[in-house]
Amino acid sequence: MKLYVLSLGAGLLVGVVYSLLNVRSPAPPLVALVGLLGILVGEQIIPIGKQLLGGTAFSAACDKTQATSHLFGQLPGRHAEPQAEETERT
């Protein structure tokens, strides 16, 4: 979560600098971001649908197809434990 807060803070700082310089942000409009979200979700419909037709529960289908990690990326703290186990083994 700390990474997200730092990212938001950095974005706000850049936004203030842009405002002081009277420069428009190169960020895409909201409609483009919604379209990108649609693409990410759309990519998961077929793999999850196949799992659901096979009788798998929705949450299990999402886990099997790794849809959650594909949509949201590496969430803070979610992958910290396996990395810690790998360093302990070496």
Protein backbone atom coordinates (compact mmCIF):
# COMPACT_ATOMS: atom_id res chain seq x y z
CA MET A 1 0.00 0.00 0.00
CA LYS A 2 2.93 2.29 0.71
CA LEU A 3 3.98 2.05 -2.94
CA TYR A 4 0.56 3.25 -4.09
CA VAL A 5 0.58 6.19 -1.67
CA LEU A 6 4.07 7.19 -2.83
CA SER A 7 2.97 6.90 -6.45
CA LEU A 8 -0.06 9.09 -5.80
CA GLY A 9 2.12 11.64 -4.01
CA ALA A 10 4.59 11.74 -6.88
CA GLY A 11 1.73 12.21 -9.34
CA LEU A 12 0.29 15.06 -7.30
CA LEU A 13 3.69 16.74 -7.15
CA VAL A 14 4.13 16.48 -10.92
CA GLY A 15 0.60 17.83 -11.38
CA VAL A 16 1.44 20.88 -9.26
CA VAL A 17 4.63 21.48 -11.25
CA TYR A 18 2.67 21.19 -14.53
CA SER A 19 0.14 23.68 -13.19
CA LEU A 20 2.84 26.15 -12.20
CA LEU A 21 4.39 25.87 -15.67
CA ASN A 22 0.98 26.12 -17.39
CA VAL A 23 1.55 22.80 -19.18
CA ARG A 24 -1.21 20.29 -19.97
CA SER A 25 -0.73 16.78 -18.68
CA PRO A 26 0.08 14.13 -21.30
CA ALA A 27 -2.13 11.63 -19.43
CA PRO A 28 -4.89 10.01 -21.47
CA PRO A 29 -8.48 11.05 -20.87
CA LEU A 30 -10.68 8.94 -18.61
CA VAL A 31 -12.47 7.35 -21.56
CA ALA A 32 -9.16 5.87 -22.78
CA LEU A 33 -8.42 4.44 -19.34
CA VAL A 34 -11.87 2.85 -19.20
CA GLY A 35 -11.17 1.31 -22.62
CA LEU A 36 -7.92 -0.16 -21.32
CA LEU A 37 -9.79 -1.66 -18.37
CA GLY A 38 -12.23 -3.20 -20.84
CA ILE A 39 -9.35 -4.78 -22.73
CA LEU A 40 -7.91 -6.30 -19.55
CA VAL A 41 -11.27 -7.71 -18.49
CA GLY A 42 -12.09 -8.90 -22.01
CA GLU A 43 -8.88 -10.91 -22.17
CA GLN A 44 -10.06 -12.94 -19.18
CA ILE A 45 -13.61 -13.73 -20.37
CA ILE A 46 -12.73 -16.75 -22.54
CA PRO A 47 -10.32 -18.51 -20.11
CA ILE A 48 -12.65 -17.96 -17.14
CA GLY A 49 -15.68 -18.93 -19.23
CA LYS A 50 -14.02 -22.23 -20.16
CA GLN A 51 -13.39 -22.95 -16.49
CA LEU A 52 -16.97 -22.07 -15.56
CA LEU A 53 -18.36 -24.36 -18.30
CA GLY A 54 -16.19 -27.11 -16.86
CA GLY A 55 -17.96 -26.77 -13.52
CA THR A 56 -15.35 -24.73 -11.67
CA ALA A 57 -16.55 -22.08 -9.20
CA PHE A 58 -15.95 -18.46 -10.23
CA SER A 59 -13.29 -17.71 -7.60
CA ALA A 60 -11.46 -20.96 -8.37
CA ALA A 61 -11.65 -20.18 -12.11
CA CYS A 62 -10.08 -16.77 -11.46
CA ASP A 63 -7.30 -18.43 -9.47
CA LYS A 64 -6.64 -21.11 -12.10
CA THR A 65 -6.43 -18.59 -14.94
CA GLN A 66 -4.47 -16.11 -12.80
CA ALA A 67 -6.98 -13.44 -13.84
CA THR A 68 -6.61 -11.43 -10.64
CA SER A 69 -2.84 -11.08 -10.97
CA HIS A 70 -3.23 -10.18 -14.66
CA LEU A 71 -5.79 -7.45 -13.94
CA PHE A 72 -4.20 -5.92 -10.87
CA GLY A 73 -0.53 -6.77 -11.21
CA GLN A 74 1.52 -7.60 -8.17
CA LEU A 75 -0.42 -6.28 -5.20
CA PRO A 76 1.52 -5.00 -2.18
CA GLY A 77 2.38 -7.76 0.27
CA ARG A 78 0.72 -10.48 -1.80
CA HIS A 79 3.95 -12.03 -3.09
CA ALA A 80 6.19 -11.13 -0.17
CA GLU A 81 5.89 -14.50 1.58
CA PRO A 82 7.05 -16.78 -1.29
CA GLN A 83 10.08 -14.56 -1.87
CA ALA A 84 10.97 -14.76 1.81
CA GLU A 85 10.75 -18.57 1.65
CA GLU A 86 13.08 -18.65 -1.37
CA THR A 87 15.74 -16.58 0.39
CA GLU A 88 15.54 -18.83 3.46
CA ARG A 89 16.21 -21.92 1.33
CA THR A 90 19.44 -20.56 -0.11
